[in-house]
Amino acid sequence: MAIDWNAAMNALLVMLGQGGVVWLISLPLKNASIVDSFWSIFFVAGAASYYFLIPQPGGRSVLIATLLLAWAVRLAAHITWRNRGQGEDRRYQAIRARNQPHYAIKSLVYVFCLQAVLAWIVALPLFGALSGQAPLGWLDALGILLWLAGFGFEAIGDWQLARFKANPANAGKVMDRGLWRYTRHPNYFGESLIWWGFWLIAASAGHAWTLVSPLLMTYMLLKISGVALLEKDLQARRPAYADYIRRTNAFVPGLPRDVTLRRKTP
């Protein structure tokens, strides 16, 4: 069954509505970065709206609901806990500074509605999987395995980094242990795998064209809101990060490079 575009557009309206509500909450707080805590909830709201509006949900509904809720609840809880008492994130402070005057109004479009639209595009495999009537197959199994690998990388990476930061002795140091020994961003890599997993499930349901979703998510993680933006800040604040970059892959995990040996080579 094809995606029900009436239901999909209604899902977009629901997601934009959520963005508007979060924007209203952000105004008295003067903290646009609270949108990060609600990022994964955009997908839950959109998928739930879509599910209840389509006439005949497919056989993957329980599977999608389980995977989506597990990802969304963990990520929202982690970001909310991580950001507690921190004030507005530096990224959003920079956006605020660039968009004066009338930032309060501009942020509705540039931050909250924009994230809702991006989430809707990334959510297309969810809509396809919820509508698809094709029987479960090997692509579904592969998608679940990829999702599990991604969820593990993201959750373990976040947990390891949180423990590292909780130790006062690590203040100003670079995290290069556990999964962070093999990739500078195991959480972002895991997030990418999760959406490639969702796409494989959608492809099994007959919606391989939703490839735009994992491609967009991976691009955002690498070039927009993830690796590129974070590393620019980290290199400015932590001189040791340059050595970490030289010996550790940015995204896809790999064995650390021997920087010492490379320096001794004529």
Protein backbone atom coordinates (compact mmCIF):
# COMPACT_ATOMS: atom_id res chain seq x y z
CA MET A 1 0.00 0.00 0.00
CA ALA A 2 1.31 3.45 -0.94
CA ILE A 3 1.86 6.15 1.62
CA ASP A 4 -1.38 7.96 2.43
CA TRP A 5 -0.36 11.52 1.67
CA ASN A 6 -3.40 13.05 3.34
CA ALA A 7 -2.40 11.30 6.56
CA ALA A 8 1.24 12.24 5.99
CA MET A 9 0.39 15.92 5.59
CA ASN A 10 -1.74 15.77 8.71
CA ALA A 11 1.28 14.29 10.49
CA LEU A 12 3.31 17.29 9.32
CA LEU A 13 0.72 19.65 10.80
CA VAL A 14 0.85 17.74 14.09
CA MET A 15 4.65 17.98 14.13
CA LEU A 16 4.54 21.70 13.33
CA GLY A 17 2.00 22.12 16.11
CA GLN A 18 4.36 20.39 18.53
CA GLY A 19 7.12 22.72 17.38
CA GLY A 20 4.88 25.70 18.11
CA VAL A 21 4.10 24.47 21.62
CA VAL A 22 7.77 23.88 22.42
CA TRP A 23 8.56 27.34 21.03
CA LEU A 24 6.04 28.89 23.42
CA ILE A 25 7.68 27.02 26.31
CA SER A 26 11.11 28.26 25.22
CA LEU A 27 10.19 31.96 25.26
CA PRO A 28 9.98 32.58 29.03
CA LEU A 29 12.97 30.27 29.54
CA LYS A 30 15.03 32.13 26.90
CA ASN A 31 16.33 28.70 25.92
CA ALA A 32 15.72 27.44 22.39
CA SER A 33 17.89 24.38 23.00
CA ILE A 34 15.00 22.67 24.80
CA VAL A 35 13.91 21.67 21.30
CA ASP A 36 16.64 19.00 21.41
CA SER A 37 14.76 17.19 24.18
CA PHE A 38 11.68 17.09 21.96
CA TRP A 39 13.45 16.10 18.72
CA SER A 40 12.65 12.39 18.98
CA ILE A 41 9.10 13.17 20.13
CA PHE A 42 8.41 14.81 16.75
CA PHE A 43 8.66 11.33 15.23
CA VAL A 44 6.37 9.73 17.81
CA ALA A 45 3.74 12.43 17.32
CA GLY A 46 3.94 12.21 13.53
CA ALA A 47 3.89 8.41 13.38
CA ALA A 48 1.00 8.17 15.84
CA SER A 49 -1.02 10.70 13.87
CA TYR A 50 -0.32 8.85 10.63
CA TYR A 51 -1.21 5.46 12.11
CA PHE A 52 -4.60 6.57 13.41
CA LEU A 53 -5.57 8.23 10.12
CA ILE A 54 -4.71 5.52 7.60
CA PRO A 55 -7.58 3.11 6.82
CA GLN A 56 -5.56 -0.11 6.95
CA PRO A 57 -2.28 -0.14 8.91
CA GLY A 58 0.20 -2.79 7.79
CA GLY A 59 1.57 -5.75 9.69
CA ARG A 60 4.70 -3.88 10.76
CA SER A 61 2.83 -1.46 13.04
CA VAL A 62 3.79 -3.17 16.31
CA LEU A 63 7.40 -3.55 15.16
CA ILE A 64 7.69 0.12 14.17
CA ALA A 65 5.97 1.30 17.36
CA THR A 66 8.32 -0.77 19.52
CA LEU A 67 11.51 0.36 17.81
CA LEU A 68 10.40 3.98 17.54
CA LEU A 69 9.32 4.31 21.16
CA ALA A 70 12.48 2.63 22.47
CA TRP A 71 14.65 5.04 20.49
CA ALA A 72 12.57 8.16 21.17
CA VAL A 73 12.10 7.70 24.91
CA ARG A 74 15.76 6.88 25.55
CA LEU A 75 17.04 9.78 23.48
CA ALA A 76 14.61 12.33 24.93
CA ALA A 77 15.38 11.21 28.48
CA HIS A 78 19.13 11.27 27.88
CA ILE A 79 19.19 14.76 26.34
CA THR A 80 16.89 16.17 29.03
CA TRP A 81 19.06 14.69 31.80
CA ARG A 82 22.30 15.80 30.11
CA ASN A 83 21.11 19.39 29.63
CA ARG A 84 19.52 19.88 33.03
CA GLY A 85 20.56 23.17 34.62
CA GLN A 86 22.93 24.00 31.75
CA GLY A 87 21.09 26.93 30.17
CA GLU A 88 20.99 27.47 26.43
CA ASP A 89 23.44 25.44 24.35
CA ARG A 90 26.26 27.36 22.62
CA ARG A 91 24.91 26.40 19.20
CA TYR A 92 21.60 28.07 19.90
CA GLN A 93 23.30 31.06 21.50
CA ALA A 94 25.13 31.57 18.20
CA ILE A 95 21.86 31.31 16.27
CA ARG A 96 20.31 33.82 18.67
CA ALA A 97 23.19 36.26 18.16
CA ARG A 98 22.98 36.00 14.36
CA ASN A 99 19.23 36.63 14.26
CA GLN A 100 18.75 39.82 16.23
CA PRO A 101 16.50 41.72 16.48
CA HIS A 102 13.18 39.87 16.85
CA TYR A 103 14.86 36.52 17.51
CA ALA A 104 11.83 35.27 19.44
CA ILE A 105 9.71 35.32 16.27
CA LYS A 106 12.51 34.20 13.96
CA SER A 107 13.28 31.19 16.15
CA LEU A 108 9.78 29.83 15.56
CA VAL A 109 10.69 29.40 11.89
CA TYR A 110 14.47 28.89 11.94
CA VAL A 111 14.60 26.49 14.89
CA PHE A 112 11.28 24.92 15.82
CA CYS A 113 9.36 24.70 12.53
CA LEU A 114 12.52 23.82 10.62
CA GLN A 115 13.20 20.89 12.93
CA ALA A 116 9.60 19.73 12.55
CA VAL A 117 9.91 19.73 8.75
CA LEU A 118 13.26 17.92 8.82
CA ALA A 119 11.82 15.34 11.21
CA TRP A 120 8.87 14.81 8.87
CA ILE A 121 11.20 14.10 5.93
CA VAL A 122 13.29 11.71 8.01
CA ALA A 123 10.07 10.01 9.21
CA LEU A 124 9.02 8.96 5.69
CA PRO A 125 10.22 5.34 6.17
CA LEU A 126 8.02 5.13 9.26
CA PHE A 127 4.98 6.14 7.22
CA GLY A 128 5.91 3.66 4.50
CA ALA A 129 6.43 0.81 6.95
CA LEU A 130 3.13 1.56 8.71
CA SER A 131 1.26 1.47 5.39
CA GLY A 132 3.08 -1.44 3.73
CA GLN A 133 1.09 -4.65 3.33
CA ALA A 134 3.94 -6.85 2.04
CA PRO A 135 4.78 -9.81 4.32
CA LEU A 136 7.77 -9.62 6.63
CA GLY A 137 10.97 -10.78 4.98
CA TRP A 138 14.73 -10.91 5.23
CA LEU A 139 15.07 -7.16 4.74
CA ASP A 140 13.00 -6.63 7.88
CA ALA A 141 15.36 -8.92 9.80
CA LEU A 142 18.38 -7.05 8.43
CA GLY A 143 16.76 -3.74 9.32
CA ILE A 144 16.10 -4.89 12.89
CA LEU A 145 19.71 -6.05 13.27
CA LEU A 146 20.99 -2.73 11.94
CA TRP A 147 18.64 -0.85 14.27
CA LEU A 148 19.84 -2.91 17.26
CA ALA A 149 23.48 -2.23 16.38
CA GLY A 150 22.75 1.47 16.06
CA PHE A 151 20.76 1.62 19.28
CA GLY A 152 23.57 -0.13 21.12
CA PHE A 153 26.23 2.20 19.73
CA GLU A 154 24.21 5.30 20.57
CA ALA A 155 23.12 4.23 24.04
CA ILE A 156 26.49 2.83 25.11
CA GLY A 157 28.36 5.79 23.64
CA ASP A 158 26.13 8.26 25.48
CA TRP A 159 26.50 6.29 28.73
CA GLN A 160 30.29 6.10 28.44
CA LEU A 161 30.58 9.82 27.76
CA ALA A 162 28.25 10.68 30.66
CA ARG A 163 30.37 8.61 33.06
CA PHE A 164 33.54 10.24 31.75
CA LYS A 165 32.16 13.76 32.24
CA ALA A 166 30.85 12.92 35.71
CA ASN A 167 34.41 12.37 36.95
CA PRO A 168 35.94 15.75 37.96
CA ALA A 169 39.40 14.36 37.20
CA ASN A 170 38.47 14.30 33.50
CA ALA A 171 37.69 18.02 33.27
CA GLY A 172 39.22 19.41 30.08
CA LYS A 173 40.33 15.97 28.88
CA VAL A 174 39.32 14.20 25.68
CA MET A 175 37.17 11.09 25.89
CA ASP A 176 39.02 8.35 24.00
CA ARG A 177 37.95 5.18 25.81
CA GLY A 178 35.42 2.45 25.10
CA LEU A 179 33.60 3.01 21.82
CA TRP A 180 35.18 6.47 21.66
CA ARG A 181 38.54 4.77 21.04
CA TYR A 182 37.29 3.59 17.63
CA THR A 183 35.17 6.53 16.48
CA ARG A 184 35.02 10.13 17.64
CA HIS A 185 31.23 10.04 17.51
CA PRO A 186 29.82 6.58 18.34
CA ASN A 187 26.48 8.11 19.30
CA TYR A 188 26.09 9.85 15.94
CA PHE A 189 27.19 6.72 14.09
CA GLY A 190 24.60 4.73 16.04
CA GLU A 191 21.89 7.28 15.24
CA SER A 192 22.68 6.93 11.54
CA LEU A 193 22.47 3.12 11.72
CA ILE A 194 19.07 3.36 13.41
CA TRP A 195 17.62 5.25 10.46
CA TRP A 196 19.24 2.97 7.91
CA GLY A 197 17.54 0.15 9.81
CA PHE A 198 14.15 1.89 9.62
CA TRP A 199 14.72 2.41 5.90
CA LEU A 200 15.41 -1.29 5.29
CA ILE A 201 12.12 -2.15 7.02
CA ALA A 202 10.33 0.41 4.84
CA ALA A 203 12.06 -1.01 1.75
CA SER A 204 10.79 -4.47 2.67
CA ALA A 205 7.31 -2.95 2.83
CA GLY A 206 7.69 -1.61 -0.71
CA HIS A 207 8.98 1.89 0.02
CA ALA A 208 12.65 1.81 -0.94
CA TRP A 209 12.22 5.32 -2.39
CA THR A 210 12.28 6.69 1.18
CA LEU A 211 16.09 6.43 0.93
CA VAL A 212 16.08 10.23 1.28
CA SER A 213 15.51 9.71 5.03
CA PRO A 214 18.74 7.95 6.08
CA LEU A 215 20.72 10.00 3.56
CA LEU A 216 19.40 13.24 5.06
CA MET A 217 19.93 12.05 8.63
CA THR A 218 23.50 10.94 7.91
CA TYR A 219 24.25 14.22 6.13
CA MET A 220 22.88 16.26 9.05
CA LEU A 221 24.92 14.24 11.54
CA LEU A 222 28.10 14.68 9.52
CA LYS A 223 27.82 18.18 8.08
CA ILE A 224 25.19 20.27 9.88
CA SER A 225 24.22 19.63 13.48
CA GLY A 226 26.65 16.87 14.40
CA VAL A 227 30.29 16.14 13.67
CA ALA A 228 31.32 19.33 11.82
CA LEU A 229 29.70 21.77 14.25
CA LEU A 230 30.75 19.96 17.42
CA GLU A 231 34.35 19.39 16.37
CA LYS A 232 34.87 23.03 15.48
CA ASP A 233 33.92 23.91 19.05
CA LEU A 234 35.94 21.09 20.63
CA GLN A 235 39.13 21.95 18.74
CA ALA A 236 38.86 25.54 19.92
CA ARG A 237 38.40 24.53 23.58
CA ARG A 238 40.61 21.43 23.88
CA PRO A 239 44.09 21.44 22.28
CA ALA A 240 44.45 17.66 22.82
CA TYR A 241 41.52 17.09 20.49
CA ALA A 242 43.78 17.58 17.45
CA ASP A 243 45.76 14.43 18.36
CA TYR A 244 42.51 12.56 18.91
CA ILE A 245 41.41 13.54 15.40
CA ARG A 246 44.67 12.29 13.91
CA ARG A 247 44.41 8.84 15.44
CA THR A 248 40.64 8.20 15.48
CA ASN A 249 38.04 7.87 12.72
CA ALA A 250 35.43 10.62 12.71
CA PHE A 251 32.33 8.50 12.12
CA VAL A 252 32.65 4.88 10.97
CA PRO A 253 34.50 2.86 13.66
CA GLY A 254 38.01 1.67 12.94
CA LEU A 255 41.21 0.72 14.74
CA PRO A 256 43.13 3.72 16.14
CA ARG A 257 46.03 4.93 14.02
CA ASP A 258 49.56 4.94 15.48
CA VAL A 259 50.28 8.67 15.45
CA THR A 260 53.64 8.26 17.21
CA LEU A 261 54.92 5.87 14.54
CA ARG A 262 53.71 8.17 11.78
CA ARG A 263 55.56 11.13 13.28
CA LYS A 264 58.85 9.17 13.41
CA THR A 265 58.59 8.12 9.78
CA PRO A 266 60.82 10.36 7.58
